[in-house]
Amino acid sequence: MQAGIAVRLGIASLLALGAANADTPSAQADYARFCSGCHGATFSISTRAEGEARSRQEIAAVIRGGNTQRGMPAFGGQIPDARIRALAEWLDTQATNGASLGATIAAETLDQVRSSGFVLMRAAESSIPYVGYFGERSSLCYPNVDLTGVRSIELNYAKGSDEAGRYAVLVGDGIGKARRNLGEQRTKPTGGWETFARHRIGLAEELSGRHELCFYGVEGG
């Protein structure tokens, strides 16, 4: 299984969740095309640096008009304004310290030290990054996720085979403490290894506060 473009947390319906972040794939593609050459393949808090306190409107203004003091070009003539706003929103989400209810976590922002059995990849046509080769005994872990009020998780993944597969959602509270299994689900073929589809899994209990969120390959891929 290829763990897709994003891991989405939510409590609303699938339709509402999809509408809330409909521009995420195009924003990631714009980042890969226009920004990654200077800011790195994966945007994070560390690459945001002095922009920590900027609002989304200010981020959009910098993308639109550039920053001559730092050598950043203006992209207002290359990227439509609606996409600039979507890109600014996505950058702000990536730089926020921890995700919460309704947020989207980019799959490739996983904790690489605490995760195992995966390969960071890019889609052939769109260059959108994703986590590939997730299979049995693989684990993808995301730290500092606010799970307050979250009762389900929507995972965007691709699977190109009919092989039986199953993954579990695990929640941990720190190194040295056992992770809890909050639910398991079988994976389904999506029509191709880069044909992503959203699948929702309900959680066995409602949590509060910040936790480490992990996806563990129980069997197959």
Foldseek 3Di string as FASTA:
>chain_A
DWFDFWKWFADDDPVVLCVVQVCVLVLLLCCCVQPCVPQNNAQELVSCPPVLPPDLVVQLVCQQPPDVVVPGHHCVVPDPSVSSSSNSVNNNLRHDQAEEHSGIGGQVVFDPVPWDQWDWDADPPRRRITIDRAAAFTKTKDFFHFQAPTFKMKTKAADADQDKWKKFKWWADDPPTDTDTFWMDIDDHQNDRRRIDIDMDTGNDRDGGTIMIMMHTNHGD
